[in-house]
């Protein structure tokens, strides 16, 4: 597990969430950014989900 990559990916997710939360639904880029965030969430879960579950909850 590359912890540096996990950290970088988690920071990217947090930054995108922060940007998206500052936009209103009517913003021209809202839907596009929301889809990008959903894709990043899915990718993060696929890459790190088992590791995080094991680290926090003791199971995979």
N, C-alpha and C. Protein backbone atom coordinates (compact mmCIF):
# COMPACT_ATOMS: atom_id res chain seq x y z
N UNK A 1 0.85 -1.18 0.00
CA UNK A 1 0.00 0.00 0.00
C UNK A 1 0.89 1.24 0.00
N UNK A 2 0.65 2.10 -0.95
CA UNK A 2 1.38 3.35 -1.05
C UNK A 2 0.61 4.42 -0.28
N UNK A 3 1.02 4.68 0.95
CA UNK A 3 0.33 5.62 1.82
C UNK A 3 0.38 7.04 1.26
N UNK A 4 1.48 7.40 0.60
CA UNK A 4 1.58 8.72 -0.01
C UNK A 4 0.52 8.92 -1.09
N UNK A 5 0.29 7.88 -1.89
CA UNK A 5 -0.73 7.95 -2.95
C UNK A 5 -2.13 8.01 -2.33
N UNK A 6 -2.36 7.22 -1.28
CA UNK A 6 -3.64 7.27 -0.59
C UNK A 6 -3.90 8.67 -0.07
N UNK A 7 -2.90 9.26 0.56
CA UNK A 7 -3.02 10.62 1.09
C UNK A 7 -3.33 11.61 -0.02
N UNK A 8 -2.62 11.52 -1.11
CA UNK A 8 -2.84 12.42 -2.25
C UNK A 8 -4.25 12.27 -2.82
N UNK A 9 -4.70 11.04 -2.98
CA UNK A 9 -6.04 10.80 -3.52
C UNK A 9 -7.13 11.29 -2.57
N UNK A 10 -6.91 11.10 -1.27
CA UNK A 10 -7.88 11.56 -0.29
C UNK A 10 -7.95 13.09 -0.27
N UNK A 11 -6.80 13.72 -0.38
CA UNK A 11 -6.78 15.19 -0.44
C UNK A 11 -7.52 15.70 -1.68
N UNK A 12 -7.31 15.03 -2.79
CA UNK A 12 -8.00 15.42 -4.03
C UNK A 12 -9.52 15.32 -3.86
N UNK A 13 -9.97 14.24 -3.25
CA UNK A 13 -11.40 14.08 -2.99
C UNK A 13 -11.92 15.21 -2.10
N UNK A 14 -11.20 15.50 -1.04
CA UNK A 14 -11.63 16.55 -0.11
C UNK A 14 -11.68 17.91 -0.80
N UNK A 15 -10.69 18.20 -1.61
CA UNK A 15 -10.66 19.48 -2.32
C UNK A 15 -11.83 19.59 -3.30
N UNK A 16 -12.11 18.52 -4.03
CA UNK A 16 -13.23 18.53 -4.99
C UNK A 16 -14.56 18.67 -4.25
N UNK A 17 -14.70 18.01 -3.12
CA UNK A 17 -15.93 18.14 -2.33
C UNK A 17 -16.12 19.58 -1.85
N UNK A 18 -15.03 20.19 -1.42
CA UNK A 18 -15.09 21.57 -0.95
C UNK A 18 -15.52 22.51 -2.07
N UNK A 19 -14.94 22.34 -3.25
CA UNK A 19 -15.31 23.17 -4.39
C UNK A 19 -16.78 22.96 -4.74
N UNK A 20 -17.20 21.70 -4.82
CA UNK A 20 -18.58 21.39 -5.19
C UNK A 20 -19.55 21.95 -4.17
N UNK A 21 -19.21 21.88 -2.90
CA UNK A 21 -20.13 22.38 -1.87
C UNK A 21 -20.30 23.89 -1.94
N UNK A 22 -19.35 24.58 -2.56
CA UNK A 22 -19.45 26.03 -2.72
C UNK A 22 -20.27 26.45 -3.93
N UNK A 23 -20.59 25.50 -4.78
CA UNK A 23 -21.38 25.82 -5.96
C UNK A 23 -22.86 25.54 -5.69
N UNK A 24 -23.71 26.31 -6.30
CA UNK A 24 -25.13 26.03 -6.22
C UNK A 24 -25.52 25.07 -7.33
N UNK A 25 -26.68 24.44 -7.18
CA UNK A 25 -27.16 23.51 -8.19
C UNK A 25 -27.31 24.17 -9.56
N UNK A 26 -27.54 25.45 -9.55
CA UNK A 26 -27.75 26.17 -10.80
C UNK A 26 -26.45 26.52 -11.53
N UNK A 27 -25.33 26.33 -10.88
CA UNK A 27 -24.03 26.65 -11.49
C UNK A 27 -23.82 25.79 -12.73
N UNK A 28 -23.29 26.40 -13.77
CA UNK A 28 -23.12 25.72 -15.05
C UNK A 28 -22.22 24.49 -14.95
N UNK A 29 -21.27 24.45 -14.03
CA UNK A 29 -20.34 23.34 -13.90
C UNK A 29 -20.74 22.32 -12.83
N UNK A 30 -21.87 22.53 -12.15
CA UNK A 30 -22.21 21.68 -11.02
C UNK A 30 -22.34 20.21 -11.41
N UNK A 31 -23.14 19.93 -12.42
CA UNK A 31 -23.36 18.51 -12.80
C UNK A 31 -22.08 17.83 -13.23
N UNK A 32 -21.27 18.52 -14.03
CA UNK A 32 -20.01 17.95 -14.49
C UNK A 32 -19.09 17.65 -13.32
N UNK A 33 -18.99 18.60 -12.40
CA UNK A 33 -18.11 18.40 -11.24
C UNK A 33 -18.65 17.32 -10.31
N UNK A 34 -19.97 17.23 -10.19
CA UNK A 34 -20.56 16.19 -9.35
C UNK A 34 -20.27 14.80 -9.93
N UNK A 35 -20.35 14.67 -11.23
CA UNK A 35 -20.03 13.40 -11.89
C UNK A 35 -18.55 13.04 -11.71
N UNK A 36 -17.67 14.04 -11.83
CA UNK A 36 -16.25 13.79 -11.62
C UNK A 36 -15.99 13.32 -10.18
N UNK A 37 -16.66 13.95 -9.24
CA UNK A 37 -16.49 13.57 -7.84
C UNK A 37 -17.00 12.16 -7.60
N UNK A 38 -18.11 11.81 -8.19
CA UNK A 38 -18.63 10.44 -8.05
C UNK A 38 -17.65 9.42 -8.63
N UNK A 39 -17.06 9.75 -9.77
CA UNK A 39 -16.06 8.86 -10.37
C UNK A 39 -14.84 8.71 -9.46
N UNK A 40 -14.39 9.83 -8.88
CA UNK A 40 -13.25 9.78 -7.95
C UNK A 40 -13.60 8.96 -6.71
N UNK A 41 -14.82 9.14 -6.20
CA UNK A 41 -15.26 8.36 -5.04
C UNK A 41 -15.23 6.86 -5.35
N UNK A 42 -15.76 6.50 -6.51
CA UNK A 42 -15.77 5.08 -6.91
C UNK A 42 -14.36 4.52 -7.05
N UNK A 43 -13.48 5.30 -7.67
CA UNK A 43 -12.09 4.87 -7.85
C UNK A 43 -11.38 4.73 -6.51
N UNK A 44 -11.62 5.70 -5.61
CA UNK A 44 -11.00 5.65 -4.29
C UNK A 44 -11.47 4.41 -3.54
N UNK A 45 -12.76 4.14 -3.59
CA UNK A 45 -13.30 2.97 -2.90
C UNK A 45 -12.71 1.68 -3.47
N UNK A 46 -12.61 1.62 -4.79
CA UNK A 46 -12.04 0.42 -5.43
C UNK A 46 -10.58 0.22 -5.05
N UNK A 47 -9.84 1.32 -4.95
CA UNK A 47 -8.41 1.23 -4.66
C UNK A 47 -8.09 1.03 -3.18
N UNK A 48 -8.88 1.63 -2.30
CA UNK A 48 -8.50 1.68 -0.89
C UNK A 48 -9.57 1.17 0.07
N UNK A 49 -10.73 0.78 -0.44
CA UNK A 49 -11.84 0.39 0.42
C UNK A 49 -11.50 -0.70 1.41
N UNK A 50 -10.91 -1.79 0.93
CA UNK A 50 -10.56 -2.90 1.83
C UNK A 50 -9.54 -2.48 2.88
N UNK A 51 -8.54 -1.73 2.46
CA UNK A 51 -7.51 -1.27 3.39
C UNK A 51 -8.12 -0.41 4.50
N UNK A 52 -9.00 0.50 4.13
CA UNK A 52 -9.60 1.41 5.11
C UNK A 52 -10.53 0.64 6.05
N UNK A 53 -11.33 -0.27 5.50
CA UNK A 53 -12.20 -1.08 6.36
C UNK A 53 -11.38 -1.87 7.37
N UNK A 54 -10.30 -2.46 6.91
CA UNK A 54 -9.46 -3.24 7.81
C UNK A 54 -8.80 -2.34 8.86
N UNK A 55 -8.32 -1.17 8.43
CA UNK A 55 -7.66 -0.25 9.36
C UNK A 55 -8.61 0.30 10.41
N UNK A 56 -9.83 0.64 10.02
CA UNK A 56 -10.77 1.25 10.95
C UNK A 56 -11.61 0.23 11.72
N UNK A 57 -11.98 -0.85 11.06
CA UNK A 57 -12.94 -1.77 11.66
C UNK A 57 -12.38 -3.16 11.93
N UNK A 58 -11.16 -3.43 11.48
CA UNK A 58 -10.52 -4.68 11.77
C UNK A 58 -10.98 -5.85 10.92
N UNK A 59 -11.66 -5.54 9.83
CA UNK A 59 -12.06 -6.61 8.91
C UNK A 59 -12.00 -6.14 7.49
N UNK A 60 -12.00 -7.07 6.57
CA UNK A 60 -11.97 -6.72 5.14
C UNK A 60 -13.08 -7.42 4.42
